[in-house]
Amino acid sequence: MTLNNNKNLMRQFLLQLMKAFDLLQAQGIIHADIKSDNILVSYTNNEITSVKLIDFGSAFLFSQATCIAMSTPEYLAPEILEYLDNKTKSKYEGGVPGVFKNMHVWSYDMWSVGAILLEIISGFPLWRSLKGR
């Protein structure tokens, strides 16, 4: 069963995924490695029964934003990639990264959700789809 051909399943998937993000946001947790491989979907009789996030190895508390480390780059927001690039080039001087100063807790992971949604709709990952252009 594929989500991209069924609007009802897509809606169920997104609703349950956003409920998981609501729980994370309430706790101030950023998953930091949201990708299709880290989302488990169970379904029965054309109904999604559960959507679970796994692999919290890169997760951190929003209040500890300096703990951010490289996860799967294809699903990271451009500003996070830029921050990580500057950090590895020693341009980062500590404290809360500027990229986080005006962010909502959920903004970090929401780019990843958008990339996953595009992947579901198109049938292939966002960045691989741009390689030939």
N, C-alpha and C. Protein backbone atom coordinates (compact mmCIF):
# COMPACT_ATOMS: atom_id res chain seq x y z
N MET A 1 0.85 -1.18 0.00
CA MET A 1 0.00 0.00 0.00
C MET A 1 0.89 1.24 0.00
N THR A 2 0.61 2.17 -0.89
CA THR A 2 1.39 3.40 -0.94
C THR A 2 0.52 4.59 -0.56
N LEU A 3 1.14 5.54 0.10
CA LEU A 3 0.42 6.73 0.55
C LEU A 3 0.16 7.70 -0.59
N ASN A 4 1.07 7.76 -1.56
CA ASN A 4 0.97 8.81 -2.58
C ASN A 4 -0.25 8.66 -3.49
N ASN A 5 -0.87 7.50 -3.53
CA ASN A 5 -2.06 7.31 -4.37
C ASN A 5 -3.36 7.40 -3.58
N ASN A 6 -3.28 7.66 -2.30
CA ASN A 6 -4.47 7.62 -1.46
C ASN A 6 -4.50 8.84 -0.54
N LYS A 7 -5.33 9.81 -0.86
CA LYS A 7 -5.38 11.05 -0.08
C LYS A 7 -5.82 10.80 1.36
N ASN A 8 -6.73 9.86 1.57
CA ASN A 8 -7.19 9.56 2.92
C ASN A 8 -6.05 8.99 3.77
N LEU A 9 -5.27 8.06 3.21
CA LEU A 9 -4.13 7.52 3.94
C LEU A 9 -3.09 8.59 4.21
N MET A 10 -2.85 9.45 3.24
CA MET A 10 -1.90 10.55 3.41
C MET A 10 -2.34 11.46 4.56
N ARG A 11 -3.62 11.77 4.60
CA ARG A 11 -4.17 12.61 5.66
C ARG A 11 -4.00 11.94 7.03
N GLN A 12 -4.32 10.63 7.10
CA GLN A 12 -4.16 9.89 8.36
C GLN A 12 -2.70 9.88 8.81
N PHE A 13 -1.81 9.65 7.86
CA PHE A 13 -0.38 9.62 8.16
C PHE A 13 0.09 10.96 8.73
N LEU A 14 -0.23 12.04 8.03
CA LEU A 14 0.20 13.36 8.48
C LEU A 14 -0.41 13.73 9.82
N LEU A 15 -1.67 13.40 10.03
CA LEU A 15 -2.32 13.70 11.31
C LEU A 15 -1.61 13.00 12.45
N GLN A 16 -1.31 11.72 12.29
CA GLN A 16 -0.64 10.99 13.36
C GLN A 16 0.81 11.45 13.54
N LEU A 17 1.48 11.77 12.45
CA LEU A 17 2.85 12.27 12.55
C LEU A 17 2.87 13.61 13.29
N MET A 18 1.92 14.48 13.00
CA MET A 18 1.87 15.78 13.68
C MET A 18 1.51 15.63 15.16
N LYS A 19 0.73 14.62 15.51
CA LYS A 19 0.45 14.35 16.93
C LYS A 19 1.74 13.98 17.65
N ALA A 20 2.58 13.20 16.99
CA ALA A 20 3.88 12.85 17.58
C ALA A 20 4.72 14.11 17.79
N PHE A 21 4.71 15.02 16.81
CA PHE A 21 5.45 16.27 16.95
C PHE A 21 4.88 17.14 18.06
N ASP A 22 3.58 17.13 18.24
CA ASP A 22 2.98 17.88 19.35
C ASP A 22 3.53 17.39 20.68
N LEU A 23 3.66 16.07 20.82
CA LEU A 23 4.21 15.51 22.06
C LEU A 23 5.66 15.93 22.26
N LEU A 24 6.44 15.87 21.19
CA LEU A 24 7.84 16.29 21.28
C LEU A 24 7.95 17.77 21.63
N GLN A 25 7.13 18.59 20.97
CA GLN A 25 7.16 20.03 21.22
C GLN A 25 6.81 20.34 22.67
N ALA A 26 5.81 19.66 23.19
CA ALA A 26 5.39 19.89 24.58
C ALA A 26 6.53 19.60 25.56
N GLN A 27 7.42 18.68 25.18
CA GLN A 27 8.55 18.34 26.04
C GLN A 27 9.82 19.11 25.68
N GLY A 28 9.75 19.95 24.64
CA GLY A 28 10.92 20.72 24.22
C GLY A 28 11.99 19.86 23.56
N ILE A 29 11.58 18.77 22.93
CA ILE A 29 12.52 17.83 22.30
C ILE A 29 12.55 18.04 20.79
N ILE A 30 13.75 18.09 20.25
CA ILE A 30 13.94 18.11 18.80
C ILE A 30 14.48 16.73 18.42
N HIS A 31 13.81 16.05 17.52
CA HIS A 31 14.22 14.71 17.10
C HIS A 31 15.54 14.78 16.34
N ALA A 32 15.65 15.71 15.42
CA ALA A 32 16.88 16.03 14.68
C ALA A 32 17.32 15.00 13.64
N ASP A 33 16.54 13.95 13.45
CA ASP A 33 16.87 13.00 12.38
C ASP A 33 15.60 12.39 11.80
N ILE A 34 14.62 13.26 11.54
CA ILE A 34 13.38 12.80 10.94
C ILE A 34 13.66 12.47 9.48
N LYS A 35 13.39 11.26 9.11
CA LYS A 35 13.52 10.80 7.73
C LYS A 35 12.60 9.60 7.56
N SER A 36 12.35 9.22 6.34
CA SER A 36 11.40 8.13 6.09
C SER A 36 11.82 6.84 6.78
N ASP A 37 13.11 6.57 6.90
CA ASP A 37 13.57 5.36 7.57
C ASP A 37 13.27 5.35 9.06
N ASN A 38 13.01 6.51 9.65
CA ASN A 38 12.75 6.60 11.09
C ASN A 38 11.28 6.77 11.42
N ILE A 39 10.42 6.44 10.50
CA ILE A 39 8.98 6.50 10.73
C ILE A 39 8.39 5.12 10.43
N LEU A 40 7.78 4.52 11.44
CA LEU A 40 7.14 3.22 11.27
C LEU A 40 5.64 3.44 11.14
N VAL A 41 5.04 2.85 10.13
CA VAL A 41 3.60 2.99 9.88
C VAL A 41 2.96 1.61 9.93
N SER A 42 1.91 1.47 10.75
CA SER A 42 1.12 0.24 10.80
C SER A 42 -0.25 0.54 10.24
N TYR A 43 -0.78 -0.39 9.48
CA TYR A 43 -2.11 -0.18 8.92
C TYR A 43 -2.86 -1.51 8.82
N THR A 44 -4.18 -1.41 8.88
CA THR A 44 -5.08 -2.55 8.75
C THR A 44 -6.30 -2.11 7.96
N ASN A 45 -6.69 -2.90 6.99
CA ASN A 45 -7.91 -2.62 6.21
C ASN A 45 -7.96 -1.20 5.67
N ASN A 46 -6.90 -0.76 5.01
CA ASN A 46 -6.83 0.58 4.41
C ASN A 46 -6.95 1.71 5.42
N GLU A 47 -6.62 1.45 6.67
CA GLU A 47 -6.60 2.47 7.72
C GLU A 47 -5.24 2.42 8.41
N ILE A 48 -4.65 3.57 8.61
CA ILE A 48 -3.39 3.63 9.36
C ILE A 48 -3.74 3.53 10.84
N THR A 49 -3.14 2.55 11.51
CA THR A 49 -3.43 2.35 12.93
C THR A 49 -2.42 3.04 13.84
N SER A 50 -1.18 3.21 13.35
CA SER A 50 -0.21 3.95 14.16
C SER A 50 0.94 4.46 13.29
N VAL A 51 1.50 5.56 13.73
CA VAL A 51 2.71 6.14 13.14
C VAL A 51 3.65 6.37 14.31
N LYS A 52 4.83 5.78 14.25
CA LYS A 52 5.79 5.88 15.35
C LYS A 52 7.12 6.42 14.85
N LEU A 53 7.67 7.34 15.61
CA LEU A 53 9.02 7.86 15.35
C LEU A 53 10.01 6.98 16.09
N ILE A 54 11.10 6.63 15.43
CA ILE A 54 12.14 5.83 16.08
C ILE A 54 13.48 6.55 15.92
N ASP A 55 14.50 6.00 16.54
CA ASP A 55 15.88 6.48 16.46
C ASP A 55 16.02 7.90 17.01
N PHE A 56 16.02 8.00 18.31
CA PHE A 56 16.19 9.29 18.97
C PHE A 56 17.66 9.55 19.34
N GLY A 57 18.58 8.89 18.64
CA GLY A 57 20.00 9.05 18.92
C GLY A 57 20.55 10.45 18.67
N SER A 58 19.91 11.21 17.79
CA SER A 58 20.35 12.57 17.50
C SER A 58 19.51 13.62 18.22
N ALA A 59 18.50 13.18 18.95
CA ALA A 59 17.57 14.11 19.60
C ALA A 59 18.26 14.92 20.70
N PHE A 60 17.74 16.12 20.93
CA PHE A 60 18.25 16.96 22.01
C PHE A 60 17.14 17.88 22.49
N LEU A 61 17.31 18.41 23.68
CA LEU A 61 16.37 19.39 24.21
C LEU A 61 16.62 20.72 23.53
N PHE A 62 15.55 21.43 23.22
CA PHE A 62 15.70 22.73 22.57
C PHE A 62 16.55 23.66 23.42
N SER A 63 16.45 23.54 24.73
CA SER A 63 17.24 24.39 25.63
C SER A 63 18.74 24.06 25.56
N GLN A 64 19.08 22.94 24.93
CA GLN A 64 20.48 22.54 24.79
C GLN A 64 20.86 22.48 23.31
N ALA A 65 20.52 23.53 22.59
CA ALA A 65 20.70 23.56 21.14
C ALA A 65 22.15 23.42 20.70
N THR A 66 23.09 23.66 21.59
CA THR A 66 24.50 23.51 21.21
C THR A 66 24.89 22.04 21.04
N CYS A 67 24.00 21.12 21.41
CA CYS A 67 24.27 19.69 21.25
C CYS A 67 24.04 19.21 19.83
N ILE A 68 23.60 20.09 18.96
CA ILE A 68 23.27 19.70 17.59
C ILE A 68 24.49 19.10 16.89
N ALA A 69 24.24 17.99 16.21
CA ALA A 69 25.31 17.31 15.47
C ALA A 69 24.76 16.90 14.11
N MET A 70 25.62 16.49 13.23
CA MET A 70 25.20 16.09 11.89
C MET A 70 24.34 14.84 11.98
N SER A 71 23.20 14.89 11.32
CA SER A 71 22.38 13.70 11.15
C SER A 71 22.26 13.48 9.65
N THR A 72 21.13 13.08 9.14
CA THR A 72 20.99 12.79 7.72
C THR A 72 20.84 14.09 6.93
N PRO A 73 21.85 14.53 6.19
CA PRO A 73 21.83 15.85 5.55
C PRO A 73 20.70 16.05 4.55
N GLU A 74 20.24 14.99 3.89
CA GLU A 74 19.18 15.14 2.89
C GLU A 74 17.87 15.62 3.50
N TYR A 75 17.73 15.51 4.81
CA TYR A 75 16.48 15.90 5.46
C TYR A 75 16.66 17.11 6.39
N LEU A 76 17.84 17.73 6.39
CA LEU A 76 18.09 18.88 7.25
C LEU A 76 17.79 20.19 6.52
N ALA A 77 17.27 21.15 7.27
CA ALA A 77 17.00 22.48 6.72
C ALA A 77 18.32 23.14 6.31
N PRO A 78 18.30 23.98 5.27
CA PRO A 78 19.53 24.63 4.81
C PRO A 78 20.26 25.42 5.90
N GLU A 79 19.51 26.11 6.76
CA GLU A 79 20.18 26.90 7.80
C GLU A 79 20.88 26.01 8.82
N ILE A 80 20.38 24.80 9.05
CA ILE A 80 21.04 23.87 9.96
C ILE A 80 22.32 23.35 9.30
N LEU A 81 22.25 23.03 8.02
CA LEU A 81 23.45 22.59 7.30
C LEU A 81 24.52 23.68 7.31
N GLU A 82 24.11 24.93 7.12
CA GLU A 82 25.07 26.04 7.15
C GLU A 82 25.71 26.17 8.53
N TYR A 83 24.90 26.07 9.58
CA TYR A 83 25.42 26.13 10.94
C TYR A 83 26.45 25.02 11.17
N LEU A 84 26.10 23.79 10.77
CA LEU A 84 27.01 22.66 10.97
C LEU A 84 28.29 22.83 10.17
N ASP A 85 28.18 23.36 8.96
CA ASP A 85 29.36 23.61 8.14
C ASP A 85 30.26 24.64 8.81
N ASN A 86 29.68 25.72 9.32
CA ASN A 86 30.46 26.75 10.02
C ASN A 86 31.08 26.20 11.29
N LYS A 87 30.34 25.34 11.98
CA LYS A 87 30.85 24.75 13.22
C LYS A 87 32.08 23.89 12.93
N THR A 88 32.04 23.12 11.85
CA THR A 88 33.19 22.27 11.52
C THR A 88 34.37 23.09 11.01
N LYS A 89 34.11 24.28 10.50
CA LYS A 89 35.19 25.16 10.03
C LYS A 89 35.64 26.13 11.13
N SER A 90 35.20 25.87 12.35
CA SER A 90 35.57 26.67 13.53
C SER A 90 35.13 28.12 13.44
N LYS A 91 34.07 28.41 12.72
CA LYS A 91 33.54 29.77 12.67
C LYS A 91 32.51 30.01 13.77
N TYR A 92 32.19 28.96 14.49
CA TYR A 92 31.18 29.04 15.53
C TYR A 92 31.86 29.29 16.86
N GLU A 93 31.33 30.26 17.63
CA GLU A 93 32.00 30.67 18.85
C GLU A 93 31.31 30.22 20.13
N GLY A 94 30.33 29.34 20.06
CA GLY A 94 29.66 28.86 21.26
C GLY A 94 28.38 29.59 21.55
N GLY A 95 27.72 29.19 22.63
CA GLY A 95 26.42 29.76 22.97
C GLY A 95 25.33 29.19 22.09
N VAL A 96 24.14 29.76 22.18
CA VAL A 96 23.03 29.29 21.36
C VAL A 96 23.27 29.73 19.93
N PRO A 97 23.27 28.80 19.00
CA PRO A 97 23.50 29.17 17.61
C PRO A 97 22.50 30.21 17.13
N GLY A 98 22.98 31.18 16.35
CA GLY A 98 22.11 32.23 15.84
C GLY A 98 20.92 31.70 15.09
N VAL A 99 21.08 30.56 14.45
CA VAL A 99 19.99 29.98 13.68
C VAL A 99 18.80 29.63 14.58
N PHE A 100 19.04 29.43 15.88
CA PHE A 100 17.97 29.05 16.79
C PHE A 100 17.34 30.22 17.53
N LYS A 101 17.92 31.40 17.46
CA LYS A 101 17.45 32.50 18.29
C LYS A 101 16.01 32.88 18.05
N ASN A 102 15.53 32.82 16.82
CA ASN A 102 14.15 33.19 16.53
C ASN A 102 13.31 32.01 16.05
N MET A 103 13.75 30.80 16.34
CA MET A 103 13.03 29.61 15.89
C MET A 103 12.03 29.14 16.93
N HIS A 104 10.94 28.56 16.45
CA HIS A 104 10.05 27.82 17.32
C HIS A 104 10.67 26.45 17.51
N VAL A 105 10.33 25.78 18.59
CA VAL A 105 10.89 24.47 18.88
C VAL A 105 10.72 23.51 17.71
N TRP A 106 9.58 23.55 17.08
CA TRP A 106 9.26 22.58 16.03
C TRP A 106 9.87 22.90 14.67
N SER A 107 10.41 24.09 14.48
CA SER A 107 10.91 24.48 13.16
C SER A 107 12.02 23.58 12.63
N TYR A 108 12.88 23.13 13.51
CA TYR A 108 14.01 22.29 13.10
C TYR A 108 13.52 21.04 12.38
N ASP A 109 12.55 20.34 12.98
CA ASP A 109 12.05 19.09 12.41
C ASP A 109 11.03 19.29 11.29
N MET A 110 10.41 20.45 11.21
CA MET A 110 9.36 20.65 10.21
C MET A 110 9.91 20.62 8.78
N TRP A 111 11.12 21.09 8.56
CA TRP A 111 11.71 20.99 7.22
C TRP A 111 11.77 19.52 6.81
N SER A 112 12.17 18.67 7.77
CA SER A 112 12.26 17.24 7.49
C SER A 112 10.91 16.65 7.12
N VAL A 113 9.86 17.08 7.81
CA VAL A 113 8.51 16.60 7.49
C VAL A 113 8.13 17.01 6.07
N GLY A 114 8.45 18.23 5.69
CA GLY A 114 8.17 18.69 4.33
C GLY A 114 8.92 17.87 3.30
N ALA A 115 10.18 17.54 3.58
CA ALA A 115 10.97 16.72 2.66
C ALA A 115 10.37 15.32 2.53
N ILE A 116 9.89 14.78 3.64
CA ILE A 116 9.25 13.46 3.61
C ILE A 116 7.95 13.51 2.84
N LEU A 117 7.16 14.54 3.05
CA LEU A 117 5.90 14.69 2.33
C LEU A 117 6.16 14.76 0.82
N LEU A 118 7.15 15.53 0.42
CA LEU A 118 7.51 15.62 -0.99
C LEU A 118 7.98 14.26 -1.52
N GLU A 119 8.71 13.53 -0.70
CA GLU A 119 9.16 12.19 -1.08
C GLU A 119 7.98 11.25 -1.30
N ILE A 120 6.98 11.33 -0.43
CA ILE A 120 5.79 10.48 -0.56
C ILE A 120 5.03 10.83 -1.84
N ILE A 121 4.86 12.11 -2.08
CA ILE A 121 4.09 12.55 -3.25
C ILE A 121 4.80 12.21 -4.56
N SER A 122 6.11 12.49 -4.61
CA SER A 122 6.86 12.30 -5.86
C SER A 122 7.35 10.87 -6.06
N GLY A 123 7.55 10.16 -4.96
CA GLY A 123 8.05 8.79 -5.06
C GLY A 123 9.55 8.66 -4.92
N PHE A 124 10.26 9.79 -4.76
CA PHE A 124 11.71 9.72 -4.55
C PHE A 124 12.16 10.91 -3.71
N PRO A 125 13.33 10.77 -3.03
CA PRO A 125 13.81 11.82 -2.12
C PRO A 125 14.05 13.16 -2.81
N LEU A 126 13.85 14.24 -2.07
CA LEU A 126 13.98 15.60 -2.56
C LEU A 126 15.32 15.84 -3.25
N TRP A 127 16.42 15.57 -2.58
CA TRP A 127 17.73 15.95 -3.12
C TRP A 127 18.16 15.06 -4.27
N ARG A 128 17.76 13.83 -4.29
CA ARG A 128 18.08 12.99 -5.43
C ARG A 128 17.30 13.45 -6.66
N SER A 129 16.13 14.04 -6.43
CA SER A 129 15.32 14.50 -7.56
C SER A 129 15.95 15.71 -8.24
N LEU A 130 16.83 16.40 -7.55
CA LEU A 130 17.45 17.61 -8.10
C LEU A 130 18.81 17.35 -8.73
N LYS A 131 19.35 16.14 -8.59
CA LYS A 131 20.71 15.85 -9.06
C LYS A 131 20.89 16.06 -10.56
N GLY A 132 19.93 15.66 -11.36
CA GLY A 132 20.10 15.72 -12.80
C GLY A 132 19.85 17.09 -13.40
N ARG A 133 19.49 18.06 -12.59
CA ARG A 133 19.15 19.39 -13.11
C ARG A 133 20.32 20.33 -13.09
